[in-house]
Amino acid sequence: NAARKTLATANLVVGGKRLLAACQDAISPKN
């Protein structure tokens, strides 16, 4: 849950394709 909150306010998320896919629903597509 803490990681989800961090991802929700992120402006740039960096990682391997597998890791980015796993976090897709926690990342705000607009911001």
PDB file of all heavy atoms in Angstrom:
ATOM      1  N   ASN A   1       0.837  -1.214   0.000  1.00  0.00           N
ATOM      2  CA  ASN A   1       0.000   0.000   0.000  1.00  0.00           C
ATOM      3  C   ASN A   1       0.865   1.254   0.000  1.00  0.00           C
ATOM      4  O   ASN A   1       0.538   2.252  -0.668  1.00  0.00           O
ATOM      5  CB  ASN A   1      -0.928  -0.006   1.223  1.00  0.00           C
ATOM      6  CG  ASN A   1      -2.028  -1.055   1.083  1.00  0.00           C
ATOM      7  OD1 ASN A   1      -2.428  -1.393  -0.036  1.00  0.00           O
ATOM      8  ND2 ASN A   1      -2.511  -1.564   2.206  1.00  0.00           N
ATOM      9  N   ALA A   2       1.963   1.220   0.752  1.00  0.00           N
ATOM     10  CA  ALA A   2       2.860   2.378   0.797  1.00  0.00           C
ATOM     11  C   ALA A   2       3.474   2.627  -0.579  1.00  0.00           C
ATOM     12  O   ALA A   2       3.597   3.789  -1.020  1.00  0.00           O
ATOM     13  CB  ALA A   2       3.955   2.135   1.830  1.00  0.00           C
ATOM     14  N   ALA A   3       3.838   1.548  -1.279  1.00  0.00           N
ATOM     15  CA  ALA A   3       4.405   1.698  -2.620  1.00  0.00           C
ATOM     16  C   ALA A   3       3.372   2.254  -3.589  1.00  0.00           C
ATOM     17  O   ALA A   3       3.711   3.061  -4.470  1.00  0.00           O
ATOM     18  CB  ALA A   3       4.927   0.350  -3.108  1.00  0.00           C
ATOM     19  N   ARG A   4       2.125   1.846  -3.436  1.00  0.00           N
ATOM     20  CA  ARG A   4       1.052   2.360  -4.308  1.00  0.00           C
ATOM     21  C   ARG A   4       0.901   3.872  -4.149  1.00  0.00           C
ATOM     22  O   ARG A   4       0.704   4.610  -5.123  1.00  0.00           O
ATOM     23  CB  ARG A   4      -0.273   1.665  -4.008  1.00  0.00           C
ATOM     24  CG  ARG A   4      -0.348   0.260  -4.560  1.00  0.00           C
ATOM     25  CD  ARG A   4      -1.710  -0.377  -4.345  1.00  0.00           C
ATOM     26  NE  ARG A   4      -1.755  -1.700  -4.947  1.00  0.00           N
ATOM     27  CZ  ARG A   4      -2.008  -1.927  -6.227  1.00  0.00           C
ATOM     28  NH1 ARG A   4      -2.274  -0.901  -7.037  1.00  0.00           N
ATOM     29  NH2 ARG A   4      -2.028  -3.156  -6.707  1.00  0.00           N
ATOM     30  N   LYS A   5       0.986   4.345  -2.917  1.00  0.00           N
ATOM     31  CA  LYS A   5       0.869   5.786  -2.662  1.00  0.00           C
ATOM     32  C   LYS A   5       2.029   6.544  -3.311  1.00  0.00           C
ATOM     33  O   LYS A   5       1.849   7.632  -3.873  1.00  0.00           O
ATOM     34  CB  LYS A   5       0.842   6.046  -1.155  1.00  0.00           C
ATOM     35  CG  LYS A   5      -0.450   5.592  -0.479  1.00  0.00           C
ATOM     36  CD  LYS A   5      -0.403   5.848   1.017  1.00  0.00           C
ATOM     37  CE  LYS A   5      -1.684   5.357   1.699  1.00  0.00           C
ATOM     38  NZ  LYS A   5      -1.620   5.548   3.180  1.00  0.00           N
ATOM     39  N   THR A   6       3.216   5.969  -3.223  1.00  0.00           N
ATOM     40  CA  THR A   6       4.398   6.594  -3.832  1.00  0.00           C
ATOM     41  C   THR A   6       4.239   6.654  -5.350  1.00  0.00           C
ATOM     42  O   THR A   6       4.528   7.678  -5.983  1.00  0.00           O
ATOM     43  CB  THR A   6       5.674   5.805  -3.466  1.00  0.00           C
ATOM     44  OG1 THR A   6       5.820   5.794  -2.044  1.00  0.00           O
ATOM     45  CG2 THR A   6       6.907   6.425  -4.087  1.00  0.00           C
ATOM     46  N   LEU A   7       3.770   5.557  -5.944  1.00  0.00           N
ATOM     47  CA  LEU A   7       3.602   5.505  -7.397  1.00  0.00           C
ATOM     48  C   LEU A   7       2.498   6.451  -7.882  1.00  0.00           C
ATOM     49  O   LEU A   7       2.592   7.013  -8.982  1.00  0.00           O
ATOM     50  CB  LEU A   7       3.291   4.067  -7.834  1.00  0.00           C
ATOM     51  CG  LEU A   7       4.464   3.082  -7.779  1.00  0.00           C
ATOM     52  CD1 LEU A   7       3.975   1.653  -7.902  1.00  0.00           C
ATOM     53  CD2 LEU A   7       5.478   3.393  -8.881  1.00  0.00           C
ATOM     54  N   ALA A   8       1.474   6.636  -7.059  1.00  0.00           N
ATOM     55  CA  ALA A   8       0.337   7.476  -7.466  1.00  0.00           C
ATOM     56  C   ALA A   8       0.737   8.935  -7.660  1.00  0.00           C
ATOM     57  O   ALA A   8       0.108   9.673  -8.433  1.00  0.00           O
ATOM     58  CB  ALA A   8      -0.783   7.373  -6.431  1.00  0.00           C
ATOM     59  N   THR A   9       1.805   9.376  -6.977  1.00  0.00           N
ATOM     60  CA  THR A   9       2.238  10.781  -7.078  1.00  0.00           C
ATOM     61  C   THR A   9       3.501  10.943  -7.916  1.00  0.00           C
ATOM     62  O   THR A   9       4.085  12.025  -7.958  1.00  0.00           O
ATOM     63  CB  THR A   9       2.497  11.353  -5.670  1.00  0.00           C
ATOM     64  OG1 THR A   9       3.500  10.553  -5.018  1.00  0.00           O
ATOM     65  CG2 THR A   9       1.217  11.329  -4.833  1.00  0.00           C
ATOM     66  N   ALA A  10       3.925   9.880  -8.585  1.00  0.00           N
ATOM     67  CA  ALA A  10       5.169   9.933  -9.355  1.00  0.00           C
ATOM     68  C   ALA A  10       4.972  10.667 -10.680  1.00  0.00           C
ATOM     69  O   ALA A  10       3.902  10.605 -11.291  1.00  0.00           O
ATOM     70  CB  ALA A  10       5.684   8.518  -9.611  1.00  0.00           C
ATOM     71  N   ASN A  11       6.032  11.363 -11.126  1.00  0.00           N
ATOM     72  CA  ASN A  11       6.039  12.002 -12.447  1.00  0.00           C
ATOM     73  C   ASN A  11       6.812  11.172 -13.470  1.00  0.00           C
ATOM     74  O   ASN A  11       6.596  11.312 -14.677  1.00  0.00           O
ATOM     75  CB  ASN A  11       6.682  13.388 -12.370  1.00  0.00           C
ATOM     76  CG  ASN A  11       5.980  14.297 -11.389  1.00  0.00           C
ATOM     77  OD1 ASN A  11       6.569  14.720 -10.408  1.00  0.00           O
ATOM     78  ND2 ASN A  11       4.707  14.593 -11.636  1.00  0.00           N
ATOM     79  N   LEU A  12       7.711  10.326 -12.974  1.00  0.00           N
ATOM     80  CA  LEU A  12       8.487   9.445 -13.859  1.00  0.00           C
ATOM     81  C   LEU A  12       8.762   8.147 -13.120  1.00  0.00           C
ATOM     82  O   LEU A  12       9.249   8.158 -11.989  1.00  0.00           O
ATOM     83  CB  LEU A  12       9.819  10.098 -14.257  1.00  0.00           C
ATOM     84  CG  LEU A  12      10.794   9.230 -15.077  1.00  0.00           C
ATOM     85  CD1 LEU A  12      10.209   8.910 -16.446  1.00  0.00           C
ATOM     86  CD2 LEU A  12      12.150   9.928 -15.227  1.00  0.00           C
ATOM     87  N   VAL A  13       8.405   7.016 -13.776  1.00  0.00           N
ATOM     88  CA  VAL A  13       8.674   5.696 -13.195  1.00  0.00           C
ATOM     89  C   VAL A  13       9.604   4.942 -14.141  1.00  0.00           C
ATOM     90  O   VAL A  13       9.332   4.835 -15.341  1.00  0.00           O
ATOM     91  CB  VAL A  13       7.371   4.894 -12.968  1.00  0.00           C
ATOM     92  CG1 VAL A  13       7.702   3.500 -12.406  1.00  0.00           C
ATOM     93  CG2 VAL A  13       6.448   5.634 -12.016  1.00  0.00           C
ATOM     94  N   VAL A  14      10.683   4.458 -13.594  1.00  0.00           N
ATOM     95  CA  VAL A  14      11.723   3.795 -14.374  1.00  0.00           C
ATOM     96  C   VAL A  14      11.859   2.343 -13.898  1.00  0.00           C
ATOM     97  O   VAL A  14      11.844   2.075 -12.690  1.00  0.00           O
ATOM     98  CB  VAL A  14      13.087   4.520 -14.201  1.00  0.00           C
ATOM     99  CG1 VAL A  14      14.163   3.857 -15.060  1.00  0.00           C
ATOM    100  CG2 VAL A  14      12.960   5.995 -14.525  1.00  0.00           C
ATOM    101  N   GLY A  15      11.987   1.416 -14.835  1.00  0.00           N
ATOM    102  CA  GLY A  15      12.172   0.013 -14.440  1.00  0.00           C
ATOM    103  C   GLY A  15      12.165  -0.900 -15.644  1.00  0.00           C
ATOM    104  O   GLY A  15      11.889  -0.469 -16.775  1.00  0.00           O
ATOM    105  N   GLY A  16      12.459  -2.167 -15.412  1.00  0.00           N
ATOM    106  CA  GLY A  16      12.365  -3.156 -16.475  1.00  0.00           C
ATOM    107  C   GLY A  16      10.927  -3.310 -16.935  1.00  0.00           C
ATOM    108  O   GLY A  16       9.984  -2.971 -16.204  1.00  0.00           O
ATOM    109  N   LYS A  17      10.767  -3.803 -18.162  1.00  0.00           N
ATOM    110  CA  LYS A  17       9.417  -3.927 -18.741  1.00  0.00           C
ATOM    111  C   LYS A  17       8.497  -4.766 -17.853  1.00  0.00           C
ATOM    112  O   LYS A  17       7.316  -4.446 -17.675  1.00  0.00           O
ATOM    113  CB  LYS A  17       9.505  -4.550 -20.132  1.00  0.00           C
ATOM    114  CG  LYS A  17      10.103  -3.622 -21.186  1.00  0.00           C
ATOM    115  CD  LYS A  17      10.124  -4.289 -22.549  1.00  0.00           C
ATOM    116  CE  LYS A  17      10.681  -3.355 -23.621  1.00  0.00           C
ATOM    117  NZ  LYS A  17      10.721  -4.002 -24.957  1.00  0.00           N
ATOM    118  N   ARG A  18       9.031  -5.848 -17.294  1.00  0.00           N
ATOM    119  CA  ARG A  18       8.232  -6.738 -16.447  1.00  0.00           C
ATOM    120  C   ARG A  18       7.756  -6.003 -15.196  1.00  0.00           C
ATOM    121  O   ARG A  18       6.608  -6.152 -14.756  1.00  0.00           O
ATOM    122  CB  ARG A  18       9.098  -7.953 -16.077  1.00  0.00           C
ATOM    123  CG  ARG A  18       8.387  -9.084 -15.343  1.00  0.00           C
ATOM    124  CD  ARG A  18       9.326 -10.273 -15.204  1.00  0.00           C
ATOM    125  NE  ARG A  18      10.521  -9.917 -14.443  1.00  0.00           N
ATOM    126  CZ  ARG A  18      10.636 -10.060 -13.122  1.00  0.00           C
ATOM    127  NH1 ARG A  18       9.624 -10.559 -12.427  1.00  0.00           N
ATOM    128  NH2 ARG A  18      11.741  -9.720 -12.500  1.00  0.00           N
ATOM    129  N   LEU A  19       8.634  -5.176 -14.611  1.00  0.00           N
ATOM    130  CA  LEU A  19       8.277  -4.450 -13.399  1.00  0.00           C
ATOM    131  C   LEU A  19       7.284  -3.322 -13.704  1.00  0.00           C
ATOM    132  O   LEU A  19       6.339  -3.093 -12.941  1.00  0.00           O
ATOM    133  CB  LEU A  19       9.544  -3.875 -12.753  1.00  0.00           C
ATOM    134  CG  LEU A  19      10.641  -4.881 -12.385  1.00  0.00           C
ATOM    135  CD1 LEU A  19      11.815  -4.171 -11.729  1.00  0.00           C
ATOM    136  CD2 LEU A  19      10.106  -5.957 -11.454  1.00  0.00           C
ATOM    137  N   LEU A  20       7.482  -2.645 -14.822  1.00  0.00           N
ATOM    138  CA  LEU A  20       6.539  -1.571 -15.203  1.00  0.00           C
ATOM    139  C   LEU A  20       5.146  -2.140 -15.454  1.00  0.00           C
ATOM    140  O   LEU A  20       4.136  -1.530 -15.062  1.00  0.00           O
ATOM    141  CB  LEU A  20       7.048  -0.850 -16.451  1.00  0.00           C
ATOM    142  CG  LEU A  20       8.271   0.068 -16.271  1.00  0.00           C
ATOM    143  CD1 LEU A  20       8.762   0.553 -17.623  1.00  0.00           C
ATOM    144  CD2 LEU A  20       7.930   1.254 -15.366  1.00  0.00           C
ATOM    145  N   ALA A  21       5.088  -3.307 -16.103  1.00  0.00           N
ATOM    146  CA  ALA A  21       3.784  -3.936 -16.383  1.00  0.00           C
ATOM    147  C   ALA A  21       3.070  -4.300 -15.081  1.00  0.00           C
ATOM    148  O   ALA A  21       1.838  -4.156 -14.966  1.00  0.00           O
ATOM    149  CB  ALA A  21       3.983  -5.180 -17.253  1.00  0.00           C
ATOM    150  N   ALA A  22       3.834  -4.756 -14.081  1.00  0.00           N
ATOM    151  CA  ALA A  22       3.232  -5.151 -12.801  1.00  0.00           C
ATOM    152  C   ALA A  22       2.668  -3.954 -12.042  1.00  0.00           C
ATOM    153  O   ALA A  22       1.741  -4.108 -11.234  1.00  0.00           O
ATOM    154  CB  ALA A  22       4.280  -5.871 -11.945  1.00  0.00           C
ATOM    155  N   CYS A  23       3.211  -2.761 -12.304  1.00  0.00           N
ATOM    156  CA  CYS A  23       2.788  -1.559 -11.566  1.00  0.00           C
ATOM    157  C   CYS A  23       1.845  -0.661 -12.360  1.00  0.00           C
ATOM    158  O   CYS A  23       1.517   0.449 -11.913  1.00  0.00           O
ATOM    159  CB  CYS A  23       4.020  -0.753 -11.153  1.00  0.00           C
ATOM    160  SG  CYS A  23       5.115  -1.611 -10.027  1.00  0.00           S
ATOM    161  N   GLN A  24       1.418  -1.119 -13.527  1.00  0.00           N
ATOM    162  CA  GLN A  24       0.670  -0.257 -14.441  1.00  0.00           C
ATOM    163  C   GLN A  24      -0.583   0.341 -13.805  1.00  0.00           C
ATOM    164  O   GLN A  24      -0.870   1.530 -13.985  1.00  0.00           O
ATOM    165  CB  GLN A  24       0.279  -1.049 -15.699  1.00  0.00           C
ATOM    166  CG  GLN A  24      -0.063  -0.177 -16.894  1.00  0.00           C
ATOM    167  CD  GLN A  24       1.087   0.727 -17.325  1.00  0.00           C
ATOM    168  OE1 GLN A  24       2.213   0.274 -17.470  1.00  0.00           O
ATOM    169  NE2 GLN A  24       0.798   2.018 -17.506  1.00  0.00           N
ATOM    170  N   ASP A  25      -1.315  -0.456 -13.038  1.00  0.00           N
ATOM    171  CA  ASP A  25      -2.571   0.046 -12.478  1.00  0.00           C
ATOM    172  C   ASP A  25      -2.353   1.017 -11.311  1.00  0.00           C
ATOM    173  O   ASP A  25      -3.285   1.691 -10.878  1.00  0.00           O
ATOM    174  CB  ASP A  25      -3.464  -1.113 -12.016  1.00  0.00           C
ATOM    175  CG  ASP A  25      -2.850  -1.893 -10.861  1.00  0.00           C
ATOM    176  OD1 ASP A  25      -1.600  -1.853 -10.722  1.00  0.00           O
ATOM    177  OD2 ASP A  25      -3.599  -2.535 -10.102  1.00  0.00           O
ATOM    178  N   ALA A  26      -1.115   1.102 -10.797  1.00  0.00           N
ATOM    179  CA  ALA A  26      -0.832   2.014  -9.683  1.00  0.00           C
ATOM    180  C   ALA A  26      -0.257   3.348 -10.162  1.00  0.00           C
ATOM    181  O   ALA A  26      -0.073   4.264  -9.370  1.00  0.00           O
ATOM    182  CB  ALA A  26       0.143   1.356  -8.712  1.00  0.00           C
ATOM    183  N   ILE A  27       0.020   3.447 -11.464  1.00  0.00           N
ATOM    184  CA  ILE A  27       0.639   4.654 -12.019  1.00  0.00           C
ATOM    185  C   ILE A  27      -0.435   5.517 -12.669  1.00  0.00           C
ATOM    186  O   ILE A  27      -1.281   5.026 -13.416  1.00  0.00           O
ATOM    187  CB  ILE A  27       1.715   4.280 -13.067  1.00  0.00           C
ATOM    188  CG1 ILE A  27       2.831   3.447 -12.417  1.00  0.00           C
ATOM    189  CG2 ILE A  27       2.296   5.517 -13.723  1.00  0.00           C
ATOM    190  CD1 ILE A  27       3.803   2.849 -13.411  1.00  0.00           C
ATOM    191  N   SER A  28      -0.398   6.822 -12.372  1.00  0.00           N
ATOM    192  CA  SER A  28      -1.365   7.747 -12.973  1.00  0.00           C
ATOM    193  C   SER A  28      -0.976   8.011 -14.429  1.00  0.00           C
ATOM    194  O   SER A  28       0.081   8.591 -14.695  1.00  0.00           O
ATOM    195  CB  SER A  28      -1.379   9.069 -12.196  1.00  0.00           C
ATOM    196  OG  SER A  28      -2.108  10.032 -12.903  1.00  0.00           O
ATOM    197  N   PRO A  29      -1.804   7.612 -15.383  1.00  0.00           N
ATOM    198  CA  PRO A  29      -1.435   7.788 -16.794  1.00  0.00           C
ATOM    199  C   PRO A  29      -1.393   9.250 -17.231  1.00  0.00           C
ATOM    200  O   PRO A  29      -0.723   9.598 -18.197  1.00  0.00           O
ATOM    201  CB  PRO A  29      -2.534   7.017 -17.548  1.00  0.00           C
ATOM    202  CG  PRO A  29      -3.686   6.966 -16.609  1.00  0.00           C
ATOM    203  CD  PRO A  29      -3.120   6.968 -15.218  1.00  0.00           C
ATOM    204  N   LYS A  30      -2.113  10.142 -16.537  1.00  0.00           N
ATOM    205  CA  LYS A  30      -2.154  11.553 -16.930  1.00  0.00           C
ATOM    206  C   LYS A  30      -0.896  12.310 -16.504  1.00  0.00           C
ATOM    207  O   LYS A  30      -0.383  13.152 -17.234  1.00  0.00           O
ATOM    208  CB  LYS A  30      -3.390  12.238 -16.323  1.00  0.00           C
ATOM    209  CG  LYS A  30      -4.711  11.747 -16.894  1.00  0.00           C
ATOM    210  CD  LYS A  30      -5.867  12.504 -16.269  1.00  0.00           C
ATOM    211  CE  LYS A  30      -7.210  12.022 -16.834  1.00  0.00           C
ATOM    212  NZ  LYS A  30      -8.340  12.744 -16.202  1.00  0.00           N
ATOM    213  N   ASN A  31      -0.424  12.025 -15.301  1.00  0.00           N
ATOM    214  CA  ASN A  31       0.661  12.829 -14.719  1.00  0.00           C
ATOM    215  C   ASN A  31       2.017  12.148 -14.720  1.00  0.00           C
ATOM    216  O   ASN A  31       2.998  12.745 -14.274  1.00  0.00           O
ATOM    217  CB  ASN A  31       0.311  13.209 -13.273  1.00  0.00           C
ATOM    218  CG  ASN A  31      -1.033  13.904 -13.183  1.00  0.00           C
ATOM    219  OD1 ASN A  31      -1.342  14.743 -14.032  1.00  0.00           O
ATOM    220  ND2 ASN A  31      -1.819  13.558 -12.180  1.00  0.00           N
TER     221      ASN A  31
END
